[in-house]
Amino acid sequence: MRSNKASKGRVQASPITVRRSPIDPLRAMVRCGPVSLPAALGRGGIVSFKREGDGGTPRASMAVLSGFRRAGMLTPDRAGVALQRVNRKDGWCDAPDHAAYNRHVRLPFSASHETLIREDVLYDFGFVLDWNITSRKRGAGSAIFLHVAKPGFPPTQGCIALHRRDLLRLMPYLRRGTVVRVL
């Protein structure tokens, strides 16, 4: 993984591309510089017109906005963006008619939401991608994250999921604003 020099001496991470596998439409290869890593995609494959609940991974260029990690986790925090510690009171609103749609929320929360602390490893650490956040439209999809994959890479609900070791390897190159291009 290589970095390109940006203006004023800052180092900028290489763009990250996500390309669908020619063999399995629910899998992809994530490329950063010369490194390619296998990933799982949403159960709806890559979609051009994302809608809430369709299980699709949006075909888009999405910037990394922030990151999160399970509180108390011993995994080293080597990310290029600060990882917010989440606990059982952290969630993400997926109710299109709610004012907090596609936003981080505190639990308990009355509208439909996803819990950021799970029994599996998916959200041990992850990165929030700018899908329908900066410019938000009701029903256009929520909670598109780059996160840890389940064993065997089964499809996600629309996120991009990498093996834990691969996400840890990619972590130092992820900064706020790093673009993830799903092609």
N, C-alpha and C. Protein backbone atom coordinates (compact mmCIF):
# COMPACT_ATOMS: atom_id res chain seq x y z
N MET A 1 0.85 -1.17 0.00
CA MET A 1 0.00 0.00 0.00
C MET A 1 0.89 1.23 0.00
N ARG A 2 0.60 2.11 -0.87
CA ARG A 2 1.47 3.24 -1.09
C ARG A 2 0.70 4.52 -0.82
N SER A 3 1.41 5.54 -0.42
CA SER A 3 0.79 6.85 -0.21
C SER A 3 1.33 7.81 -1.24
N ASN A 4 0.52 8.76 -1.62
CA ASN A 4 0.94 9.80 -2.55
C ASN A 4 1.16 11.08 -1.77
N LYS A 5 2.18 11.84 -2.16
CA LYS A 5 2.43 13.12 -1.50
C LYS A 5 1.36 14.11 -1.91
N ALA A 6 0.82 14.81 -0.94
CA ALA A 6 -0.17 15.85 -1.22
C ALA A 6 0.51 17.20 -1.01
N SER A 7 -0.21 18.26 -1.32
CA SER A 7 0.37 19.59 -1.17
C SER A 7 0.72 19.88 0.28
N LYS A 8 1.68 20.76 0.48
CA LYS A 8 2.14 21.22 1.78
C LYS A 8 2.71 20.09 2.63
N GLY A 9 3.28 19.05 1.99
CA GLY A 9 3.99 18.03 2.73
C GLY A 9 3.12 16.98 3.41
N ARG A 10 1.80 17.07 3.28
CA ARG A 10 0.94 16.07 3.91
C ARG A 10 0.94 14.81 3.07
N VAL A 11 0.74 13.68 3.73
CA VAL A 11 0.66 12.41 3.03
C VAL A 11 -0.80 12.03 2.90
N GLN A 12 -1.19 11.65 1.68
CA GLN A 12 -2.57 11.28 1.42
C GLN A 12 -2.61 9.82 1.02
N ALA A 13 -3.54 9.04 1.57
CA ALA A 13 -3.65 7.63 1.26
C ALA A 13 -4.10 7.43 -0.18
N SER A 14 -3.67 6.32 -0.74
CA SER A 14 -4.13 5.95 -2.08
C SER A 14 -5.63 5.74 -2.06
N PRO A 15 -6.32 6.04 -3.16
CA PRO A 15 -7.75 5.74 -3.21
C PRO A 15 -7.93 4.22 -3.10
N ILE A 16 -9.05 3.83 -2.57
CA ILE A 16 -9.37 2.42 -2.39
C ILE A 16 -10.46 2.07 -3.39
N THR A 17 -10.24 1.02 -4.17
CA THR A 17 -11.26 0.60 -5.13
C THR A 17 -11.83 -0.75 -4.71
N VAL A 18 -13.12 -0.90 -4.97
CA VAL A 18 -13.84 -2.14 -4.66
C VAL A 18 -14.44 -2.61 -5.98
N ARG A 19 -13.99 -3.75 -6.47
CA ARG A 19 -14.49 -4.30 -7.74
C ARG A 19 -15.16 -5.65 -7.48
N ARG A 20 -16.34 -5.79 -8.04
CA ARG A 20 -17.10 -7.04 -7.91
C ARG A 20 -16.31 -8.19 -8.51
N SER A 21 -16.39 -9.33 -7.86
CA SER A 21 -15.76 -10.54 -8.38
C SER A 21 -16.49 -10.99 -9.65
N PRO A 22 -15.76 -11.42 -10.68
CA PRO A 22 -16.43 -11.93 -11.88
C PRO A 22 -17.09 -13.29 -11.64
N ILE A 23 -16.73 -13.94 -10.56
CA ILE A 23 -17.25 -15.28 -10.24
C ILE A 23 -18.47 -15.21 -9.32
N ASP A 24 -18.43 -14.30 -8.34
CA ASP A 24 -19.50 -14.21 -7.35
C ASP A 24 -19.90 -12.75 -7.18
N PRO A 25 -21.14 -12.38 -7.55
CA PRO A 25 -21.56 -10.97 -7.47
C PRO A 25 -21.70 -10.44 -6.04
N LEU A 26 -21.56 -11.31 -5.05
CA LEU A 26 -21.66 -10.88 -3.65
C LEU A 26 -20.29 -10.79 -2.99
N ARG A 27 -19.26 -10.93 -3.78
CA ARG A 27 -17.88 -10.80 -3.30
C ARG A 27 -17.16 -9.76 -4.13
N ALA A 28 -16.06 -9.26 -3.57
CA ALA A 28 -15.29 -8.22 -4.27
C ALA A 28 -13.82 -8.33 -3.92
N MET A 29 -13.03 -7.58 -4.67
CA MET A 29 -11.62 -7.38 -4.34
C MET A 29 -11.46 -5.90 -4.00
N VAL A 30 -10.87 -5.64 -2.85
CA VAL A 30 -10.60 -4.28 -2.39
C VAL A 30 -9.13 -4.03 -2.67
N ARG A 31 -8.87 -2.95 -3.40
CA ARG A 31 -7.49 -2.65 -3.79
C ARG A 31 -7.06 -1.30 -3.23
N CYS A 32 -5.88 -1.32 -2.62
CA CYS A 32 -5.25 -0.10 -2.11
C CYS A 32 -3.79 -0.18 -2.51
N GLY A 33 -3.39 0.69 -3.45
CA GLY A 33 -2.04 0.60 -3.98
C GLY A 33 -1.87 -0.76 -4.65
N PRO A 34 -0.76 -1.46 -4.39
CA PRO A 34 -0.54 -2.75 -5.04
C PRO A 34 -1.21 -3.93 -4.35
N VAL A 35 -1.89 -3.69 -3.25
CA VAL A 35 -2.47 -4.78 -2.45
C VAL A 35 -3.95 -4.98 -2.78
N SER A 36 -4.34 -6.25 -2.99
CA SER A 36 -5.73 -6.62 -3.22
C SER A 36 -6.19 -7.55 -2.10
N LEU A 37 -7.37 -7.26 -1.56
CA LEU A 37 -7.90 -8.02 -0.43
C LEU A 37 -9.32 -8.47 -0.74
N PRO A 38 -9.68 -9.72 -0.41
CA PRO A 38 -11.04 -10.20 -0.66
C PRO A 38 -12.04 -9.56 0.32
N ALA A 39 -13.27 -9.37 -0.15
CA ALA A 39 -14.30 -8.75 0.69
C ALA A 39 -15.67 -9.31 0.36
N ALA A 40 -16.58 -9.14 1.30
CA ALA A 40 -17.99 -9.47 1.09
C ALA A 40 -18.73 -8.19 0.75
N LEU A 41 -19.74 -8.32 -0.10
CA LEU A 41 -20.62 -7.20 -0.45
C LEU A 41 -22.02 -7.48 0.09
N GLY A 42 -22.92 -6.54 -0.14
CA GLY A 42 -24.30 -6.69 0.30
C GLY A 42 -25.03 -7.82 -0.41
N ARG A 43 -26.05 -8.36 0.23
CA ARG A 43 -26.83 -9.48 -0.31
C ARG A 43 -27.52 -9.12 -1.62
N GLY A 44 -27.64 -7.81 -1.91
CA GLY A 44 -28.24 -7.35 -3.17
C GLY A 44 -27.20 -7.05 -4.23
N GLY A 45 -25.92 -7.36 -3.96
CA GLY A 45 -24.84 -7.06 -4.91
C GLY A 45 -24.58 -5.55 -4.97
N ILE A 46 -23.90 -5.12 -5.99
CA ILE A 46 -23.62 -3.70 -6.19
C ILE A 46 -24.81 -3.11 -6.93
N VAL A 47 -25.37 -2.02 -6.39
CA VAL A 47 -26.56 -1.41 -6.98
C VAL A 47 -26.29 0.05 -7.34
N SER A 48 -26.88 0.48 -8.43
CA SER A 48 -26.75 1.88 -8.87
C SER A 48 -27.79 2.78 -8.22
N PHE A 49 -28.93 2.21 -7.83
CA PHE A 49 -30.01 2.98 -7.21
C PHE A 49 -30.32 2.38 -5.84
N LYS A 50 -29.53 2.76 -4.85
CA LYS A 50 -29.64 2.22 -3.49
C LYS A 50 -30.93 2.68 -2.83
N ARG A 51 -31.59 1.75 -2.13
CA ARG A 51 -32.81 2.03 -1.35
C ARG A 51 -32.69 1.35 0.00
N GLU A 52 -33.29 1.94 1.00
CA GLU A 52 -33.28 1.37 2.36
C GLU A 52 -33.81 -0.05 2.33
N GLY A 53 -33.04 -0.97 2.90
CA GLY A 53 -33.47 -2.36 3.04
C GLY A 53 -33.23 -3.25 1.85
N ASP A 54 -32.64 -2.73 0.75
CA ASP A 54 -32.44 -3.58 -0.43
C ASP A 54 -31.22 -4.49 -0.32
N GLY A 55 -30.39 -4.28 0.69
CA GLY A 55 -29.21 -5.13 0.87
C GLY A 55 -28.11 -4.88 -0.14
N GLY A 56 -28.25 -3.82 -0.93
CA GLY A 56 -27.25 -3.53 -1.95
C GLY A 56 -26.10 -2.68 -1.43
N THR A 57 -24.94 -2.91 -2.03
CA THR A 57 -23.78 -2.05 -1.78
C THR A 57 -23.81 -0.98 -2.86
N PRO A 58 -23.85 0.30 -2.48
CA PRO A 58 -23.98 1.35 -3.50
C PRO A 58 -22.76 1.47 -4.41
N ARG A 59 -23.03 1.59 -5.71
CA ARG A 59 -21.97 1.90 -6.69
C ARG A 59 -21.73 3.40 -6.54
N ALA A 60 -20.63 3.75 -5.93
CA ALA A 60 -20.39 5.16 -5.61
C ALA A 60 -18.96 5.38 -5.16
N SER A 61 -18.57 6.65 -5.09
CA SER A 61 -17.33 7.06 -4.44
C SER A 61 -17.74 7.64 -3.10
N MET A 62 -17.29 7.00 -2.03
CA MET A 62 -17.71 7.38 -0.67
C MET A 62 -16.47 7.70 0.16
N ALA A 63 -16.47 8.85 0.80
CA ALA A 63 -15.35 9.23 1.67
C ALA A 63 -15.51 8.59 3.04
N VAL A 64 -14.39 8.28 3.66
CA VAL A 64 -14.40 7.82 5.05
C VAL A 64 -14.69 9.05 5.91
N LEU A 65 -15.74 8.97 6.71
CA LEU A 65 -16.11 10.09 7.59
C LEU A 65 -15.58 9.92 9.00
N SER A 66 -15.65 8.70 9.52
CA SER A 66 -15.24 8.45 10.89
C SER A 66 -15.05 6.95 11.08
N GLY A 67 -14.61 6.59 12.27
CA GLY A 67 -14.43 5.18 12.59
C GLY A 67 -14.93 4.90 13.99
N PHE A 68 -15.15 3.62 14.26
CA PHE A 68 -15.60 3.22 15.60
C PHE A 68 -14.97 1.88 15.96
N ARG A 69 -14.94 1.61 17.24
CA ARG A 69 -14.43 0.33 17.75
C ARG A 69 -15.15 -0.02 19.02
N ARG A 70 -15.27 -1.31 19.26
CA ARG A 70 -15.91 -1.81 20.48
C ARG A 70 -15.08 -1.36 21.68
N ALA A 71 -15.73 -0.78 22.66
CA ALA A 71 -15.05 -0.36 23.89
C ALA A 71 -14.44 -1.58 24.57
N GLY A 72 -13.24 -1.43 25.10
CA GLY A 72 -12.58 -2.50 25.82
C GLY A 72 -11.87 -3.51 24.94
N MET A 73 -11.90 -3.31 23.64
CA MET A 73 -11.26 -4.24 22.72
C MET A 73 -9.74 -4.05 22.76
N LEU A 74 -9.01 -5.13 22.68
CA LEU A 74 -7.56 -5.06 22.78
C LEU A 74 -6.86 -4.86 21.44
N THR A 75 -7.62 -4.89 20.33
CA THR A 75 -7.02 -4.68 19.02
C THR A 75 -6.35 -3.31 18.97
N PRO A 76 -5.12 -3.23 18.49
CA PRO A 76 -4.45 -1.93 18.45
C PRO A 76 -5.18 -0.95 17.54
N ASP A 77 -5.24 0.28 18.00
CA ASP A 77 -5.89 1.34 17.24
C ASP A 77 -4.83 1.98 16.35
N ARG A 78 -4.70 1.44 15.13
CA ARG A 78 -3.67 1.94 14.20
C ARG A 78 -4.28 2.71 13.06
N ALA A 79 -5.50 3.11 13.20
CA ALA A 79 -6.18 3.79 12.09
C ALA A 79 -5.64 5.20 11.91
N GLY A 80 -5.74 5.67 10.67
CA GLY A 80 -5.37 7.04 10.36
C GLY A 80 -6.45 8.03 10.75
N VAL A 81 -7.58 7.53 11.24
CA VAL A 81 -8.68 8.35 11.74
C VAL A 81 -9.00 7.84 13.14
N ALA A 82 -9.30 8.75 14.05
CA ALA A 82 -9.62 8.34 15.43
C ALA A 82 -10.84 7.42 15.43
N LEU A 83 -10.76 6.35 16.20
CA LEU A 83 -11.88 5.42 16.30
C LEU A 83 -12.65 5.70 17.59
N GLN A 84 -13.90 6.09 17.44
CA GLN A 84 -14.75 6.37 18.59
C GLN A 84 -15.09 5.04 19.26
N ARG A 85 -14.97 4.99 20.56
CA ARG A 85 -15.33 3.77 21.30
C ARG A 85 -16.85 3.73 21.44
N VAL A 86 -17.44 2.59 21.04
CA VAL A 86 -18.89 2.43 21.15
C VAL A 86 -19.21 1.36 22.19
N ASN A 87 -20.39 1.51 22.79
CA ASN A 87 -20.83 0.54 23.79
C ASN A 87 -22.30 0.19 23.53
N ARG A 88 -22.94 -0.46 24.46
CA ARG A 88 -24.33 -0.93 24.28
C ARG A 88 -25.34 0.20 24.12
N LYS A 89 -24.95 1.42 24.34
CA LYS A 89 -25.87 2.55 24.17
C LYS A 89 -25.74 3.22 22.81
N ASP A 90 -24.91 2.66 21.94
CA ASP A 90 -24.69 3.26 20.62
C ASP A 90 -25.45 2.49 19.55
N GLY A 91 -26.11 3.25 18.67
CA GLY A 91 -26.86 2.66 17.57
C GLY A 91 -26.80 3.54 16.34
N TRP A 92 -27.48 3.09 15.28
CA TRP A 92 -27.52 3.84 14.02
C TRP A 92 -28.96 3.78 13.50
N CYS A 93 -29.59 4.93 13.32
CA CYS A 93 -30.99 5.00 12.90
C CYS A 93 -31.14 4.60 11.44
N ASP A 94 -32.06 3.64 11.18
CA ASP A 94 -32.34 3.24 9.79
C ASP A 94 -33.82 3.44 9.44
N ALA A 95 -34.49 4.32 10.18
CA ALA A 95 -35.90 4.63 9.94
C ALA A 95 -35.99 5.86 9.05
N PRO A 96 -36.35 5.68 7.75
CA PRO A 96 -36.35 6.81 6.80
C PRO A 96 -37.20 8.00 7.21
N ASP A 97 -38.27 7.79 7.98
CA ASP A 97 -39.14 8.89 8.35
C ASP A 97 -38.72 9.62 9.62
N HIS A 98 -37.66 9.16 10.27
CA HIS A 98 -37.21 9.77 11.51
C HIS A 98 -36.19 10.88 11.23
N ALA A 99 -36.19 11.92 12.04
CA ALA A 99 -35.25 13.05 11.87
C ALA A 99 -33.79 12.61 12.00
N ALA A 100 -33.53 11.52 12.72
CA ALA A 100 -32.16 11.04 12.92
C ALA A 100 -31.76 9.97 11.89
N TYR A 101 -32.54 9.86 10.80
CA TYR A 101 -32.25 8.85 9.78
C TYR A 101 -30.79 8.91 9.33
N ASN A 102 -30.18 7.74 9.28
CA ASN A 102 -28.79 7.56 8.86
C ASN A 102 -27.82 8.38 9.71
N ARG A 103 -28.08 8.36 11.00
CA ARG A 103 -27.23 9.05 11.98
C ARG A 103 -26.95 8.14 13.17
N HIS A 104 -25.85 8.43 13.83
CA HIS A 104 -25.53 7.76 15.10
C HIS A 104 -26.57 8.19 16.13
N VAL A 105 -27.07 7.25 16.91
CA VAL A 105 -28.05 7.57 17.96
C VAL A 105 -27.66 6.88 19.25
N ARG A 106 -28.23 7.38 20.35
CA ARG A 106 -28.03 6.77 21.67
C ARG A 106 -29.23 5.89 21.97
N LEU A 107 -28.96 4.71 22.52
CA LEU A 107 -30.01 3.76 22.88
C LEU A 107 -30.35 3.89 24.35
N PRO A 108 -31.58 3.61 24.73
CA PRO A 108 -32.69 3.13 23.91
C PRO A 108 -33.17 4.22 22.94
N PHE A 109 -33.67 3.75 21.80
CA PHE A 109 -34.12 4.64 20.73
C PHE A 109 -35.42 4.07 20.19
N SER A 110 -36.44 4.90 20.06
CA SER A 110 -37.78 4.40 19.74
C SER A 110 -37.95 3.97 18.28
N ALA A 111 -37.24 4.57 17.35
CA ALA A 111 -37.39 4.24 15.92
C ALA A 111 -36.48 3.06 15.56
N SER A 112 -36.69 2.52 14.36
CA SER A 112 -35.88 1.41 13.88
C SER A 112 -34.41 1.81 13.85
N HIS A 113 -33.55 0.91 14.31
CA HIS A 113 -32.12 1.20 14.39
C HIS A 113 -31.31 -0.08 14.38
N GLU A 114 -30.04 0.08 14.17
CA GLU A 114 -29.07 -1.00 14.27
C GLU A 114 -28.25 -0.74 15.52
N THR A 115 -27.91 -1.79 16.24
CA THR A 115 -27.08 -1.67 17.44
C THR A 115 -25.62 -1.82 17.03
N LEU A 116 -24.75 -0.93 17.52
CA LEU A 116 -23.35 -0.97 17.13
C LEU A 116 -22.52 -1.96 17.95
N ILE A 117 -23.09 -2.49 19.02
CA ILE A 117 -22.44 -3.57 19.75
C ILE A 117 -23.21 -4.84 19.42
N ARG A 118 -22.51 -5.79 18.84
CA ARG A 118 -23.15 -7.03 18.38
C ARG A 118 -22.52 -8.23 19.09
N GLU A 119 -23.21 -9.35 19.03
CA GLU A 119 -22.68 -10.58 19.60
C GLU A 119 -21.58 -11.17 18.73
N ASP A 120 -21.61 -10.89 17.42
CA ASP A 120 -20.55 -11.36 16.53
C ASP A 120 -19.44 -10.31 16.46
N VAL A 121 -18.49 -10.50 15.55
CA VAL A 121 -17.32 -9.62 15.47
C VAL A 121 -17.45 -8.50 14.44
N LEU A 122 -18.57 -8.44 13.72
CA LEU A 122 -18.70 -7.52 12.60
C LEU A 122 -18.34 -6.07 12.93
N TYR A 123 -18.80 -5.59 14.05
CA TYR A 123 -18.55 -4.20 14.41
C TYR A 123 -17.52 -4.06 15.52
N ASP A 124 -16.59 -5.00 15.62
CA ASP A 124 -15.50 -4.82 16.58
C ASP A 124 -14.76 -3.53 16.24
N PHE A 125 -14.63 -3.26 14.96
CA PHE A 125 -14.17 -1.95 14.49
C PHE A 125 -14.67 -1.76 13.07
N GLY A 126 -14.90 -0.52 12.71
CA GLY A 126 -15.43 -0.23 11.39
C GLY A 126 -15.29 1.24 11.05
N PHE A 127 -15.62 1.55 9.81
CA PHE A 127 -15.49 2.91 9.31
C PHE A 127 -16.79 3.32 8.63
N VAL A 128 -17.25 4.52 8.96
CA VAL A 128 -18.48 5.07 8.39
C VAL A 128 -18.14 5.69 7.04
N LEU A 129 -18.82 5.20 5.99
CA LEU A 129 -18.61 5.75 4.65
C LEU A 129 -19.72 6.75 4.34
N ASP A 130 -19.36 7.78 3.59
CA ASP A 130 -20.32 8.85 3.30
C ASP A 130 -21.30 8.43 2.21
N TRP A 131 -22.18 7.52 2.59
CA TRP A 131 -23.30 7.19 1.73
C TRP A 131 -24.54 7.79 2.35
N ASN A 132 -25.13 8.78 1.70
CA ASN A 132 -26.39 9.37 2.14
C ASN A 132 -26.27 10.02 3.52
N ILE A 133 -25.11 10.55 3.85
CA ILE A 133 -24.94 11.23 5.15
C ILE A 133 -24.78 12.72 4.94
N THR A 134 -23.74 13.14 4.19
CA THR A 134 -23.51 14.56 3.97
C THR A 134 -24.68 15.19 3.23
N SER A 135 -25.16 14.50 2.21
CA SER A 135 -26.33 14.94 1.46
C SER A 135 -27.36 13.82 1.61
N ARG A 136 -28.28 13.98 2.56
CA ARG A 136 -29.18 12.90 2.97
C ARG A 136 -30.53 12.96 2.28
N LYS A 137 -30.97 11.80 1.78
CA LYS A 137 -32.30 11.66 1.19
C LYS A 137 -33.01 10.51 1.91
N ARG A 138 -34.23 10.75 2.34
CA ARG A 138 -35.01 9.73 3.03
C ARG A 138 -35.16 8.49 2.16
N GLY A 139 -34.88 7.33 2.73
CA GLY A 139 -35.08 6.07 2.04
C GLY A 139 -33.98 5.66 1.08
N ALA A 140 -32.90 6.45 0.95
CA ALA A 140 -31.84 6.15 -0.01
C ALA A 140 -30.75 5.24 0.57
N GLY A 141 -30.97 4.71 1.75
CA GLY A 141 -30.03 3.77 2.35
C GLY A 141 -29.26 4.37 3.51
N SER A 142 -28.94 3.50 4.47
CA SER A 142 -28.25 3.96 5.67
C SER A 142 -27.21 2.96 6.12
N ALA A 143 -26.32 3.42 6.97
CA ALA A 143 -25.33 2.59 7.65
C ALA A 143 -24.46 1.79 6.69
N ILE A 144 -23.82 2.46 5.75
CA ILE A 144 -22.88 1.79 4.86
C ILE A 144 -21.49 1.94 5.49
N PHE A 145 -21.01 0.82 6.01
CA PHE A 145 -19.75 0.79 6.74
C PHE A 145 -18.74 -0.10 6.02
N LEU A 146 -17.48 0.11 6.34
CA LEU A 146 -16.39 -0.80 6.00
C LEU A 146 -16.09 -1.49 7.33
N HIS A 147 -16.34 -2.80 7.42
CA HIS A 147 -16.21 -3.47 8.72
C HIS A 147 -15.67 -4.89 8.58
N VAL A 148 -15.59 -5.60 9.69
CA VAL A 148 -15.08 -6.96 9.75
C VAL A 148 -16.10 -7.93 9.14
N ALA A 149 -15.61 -8.89 8.37
CA ALA A 149 -16.47 -9.89 7.73
C ALA A 149 -16.69 -11.09 8.65
N LYS A 150 -17.82 -11.75 8.46
CA LYS A 150 -18.07 -13.03 9.11
C LYS A 150 -17.19 -14.08 8.44
N PRO A 151 -16.86 -15.15 9.14
CA PRO A 151 -16.08 -16.23 8.51
C PRO A 151 -16.79 -16.75 7.26
N GLY A 152 -16.02 -16.97 6.20
CA GLY A 152 -16.57 -17.46 4.94
C GLY A 152 -17.11 -16.38 4.03
N PHE A 153 -17.07 -15.13 4.46
CA PHE A 153 -17.52 -13.98 3.67
C PHE A 153 -18.97 -14.07 3.20
N PRO A 154 -19.93 -14.36 4.07
CA PRO A 154 -21.33 -14.30 3.61
C PRO A 154 -21.69 -12.85 3.32
N PRO A 155 -22.76 -12.62 2.53
CA PRO A 155 -23.13 -11.25 2.18
C PRO A 155 -23.50 -10.41 3.41
N THR A 156 -23.32 -9.11 3.28
CA THR A 156 -23.68 -8.15 4.32
C THR A 156 -25.07 -7.59 4.01
N GLN A 157 -25.47 -6.59 4.78
CA GLN A 157 -26.74 -5.89 4.52
C GLN A 157 -26.54 -4.71 3.57
N GLY A 158 -25.32 -4.57 3.02
CA GLY A 158 -25.01 -3.48 2.09
C GLY A 158 -23.62 -2.92 2.31
N CYS A 159 -22.98 -3.33 3.37
CA CYS A 159 -21.64 -2.84 3.69
C CYS A 159 -20.57 -3.59 2.91
N ILE A 160 -19.33 -3.16 3.09
CA ILE A 160 -18.16 -3.84 2.54
C ILE A 160 -17.44 -4.44 3.74
N ALA A 161 -17.23 -5.75 3.73
CA ALA A 161 -16.64 -6.43 4.88
C ALA A 161 -15.38 -7.18 4.49
N LEU A 162 -14.33 -6.97 5.27
CA LEU A 162 -13.03 -7.59 5.04
C LEU A 162 -12.68 -8.51 6.20
N HIS A 163 -11.80 -9.48 5.93
CA HIS A 163 -11.28 -10.32 7.00
C HIS A 163 -10.64 -9.40 8.03
N ARG A 164 -10.74 -9.74 9.29
CA ARG A 164 -10.21 -8.91 10.39
C ARG A 164 -8.75 -8.52 10.13
N ARG A 165 -7.90 -9.48 9.78
CA ARG A 165 -6.46 -9.17 9.59
C ARG A 165 -6.28 -8.20 8.42
N ASP A 166 -7.12 -8.33 7.38
CA ASP A 166 -7.00 -7.44 6.22
C ASP A 166 -7.46 -6.02 6.56
N LEU A 167 -8.51 -5.90 7.35
CA LEU A 167 -8.97 -4.57 7.76
C LEU A 167 -7.92 -3.92 8.67
N LEU A 168 -7.31 -4.71 9.54
CA LEU A 168 -6.22 -4.18 10.37
C LEU A 168 -5.05 -3.72 9.51
N ARG A 169 -4.78 -4.44 8.45
CA ARG A 169 -3.70 -4.08 7.53
C ARG A 169 -4.02 -2.79 6.77
N LEU A 170 -5.28 -2.61 6.42
CA LEU A 170 -5.72 -1.43 5.67
C LEU A 170 -5.88 -0.20 6.58
N MET A 171 -6.12 -0.43 7.85
CA MET A 171 -6.45 0.63 8.81
C MET A 171 -5.53 1.85 8.79
N PRO A 172 -4.21 1.69 8.77
CA PRO A 172 -3.36 2.89 8.80
C PRO A 172 -3.51 3.80 7.58
N TYR A 173 -4.07 3.27 6.50
CA TYR A 173 -4.23 4.04 5.27
C TYR A 173 -5.59 4.72 5.18
N LEU A 174 -6.45 4.46 6.16
CA LEU A 174 -7.78 5.06 6.16
C LEU A 174 -7.74 6.34 6.97
N ARG A 175 -8.06 7.42 6.33
CA ARG A 175 -8.10 8.74 6.97
C ARG A 175 -9.44 9.36 6.65
N ARG A 176 -9.80 10.36 7.42
CA ARG A 176 -11.01 11.09 7.10
C ARG A 176 -10.84 11.67 5.69
N GLY A 177 -11.79 11.34 4.81
CA GLY A 177 -11.72 11.83 3.44
C GLY A 177 -11.15 10.82 2.45
N THR A 178 -10.52 9.75 2.94
CA THR A 178 -10.06 8.70 2.00
C THR A 178 -11.27 8.22 1.21
N VAL A 179 -11.13 8.14 -0.09
CA VAL A 179 -12.24 7.76 -0.95
C VAL A 179 -12.23 6.26 -1.20
N VAL A 180 -13.40 5.65 -0.99
CA VAL A 180 -13.62 4.24 -1.30
C VAL A 180 -14.54 4.24 -2.52
N ARG A 181 -14.02 3.73 -3.64
CA ARG A 181 -14.80 3.71 -4.89
C ARG A 181 -15.31 2.31 -5.16
N VAL A 182 -16.60 2.16 -5.16
CA VAL A 182 -17.22 0.89 -5.50
C VAL A 182 -17.59 0.96 -6.97
N LEU A 183 -16.97 0.10 -7.77
CA LEU A 183 -17.14 0.13 -9.23
C LEU A 183 -18.04 -1.00 -9.71
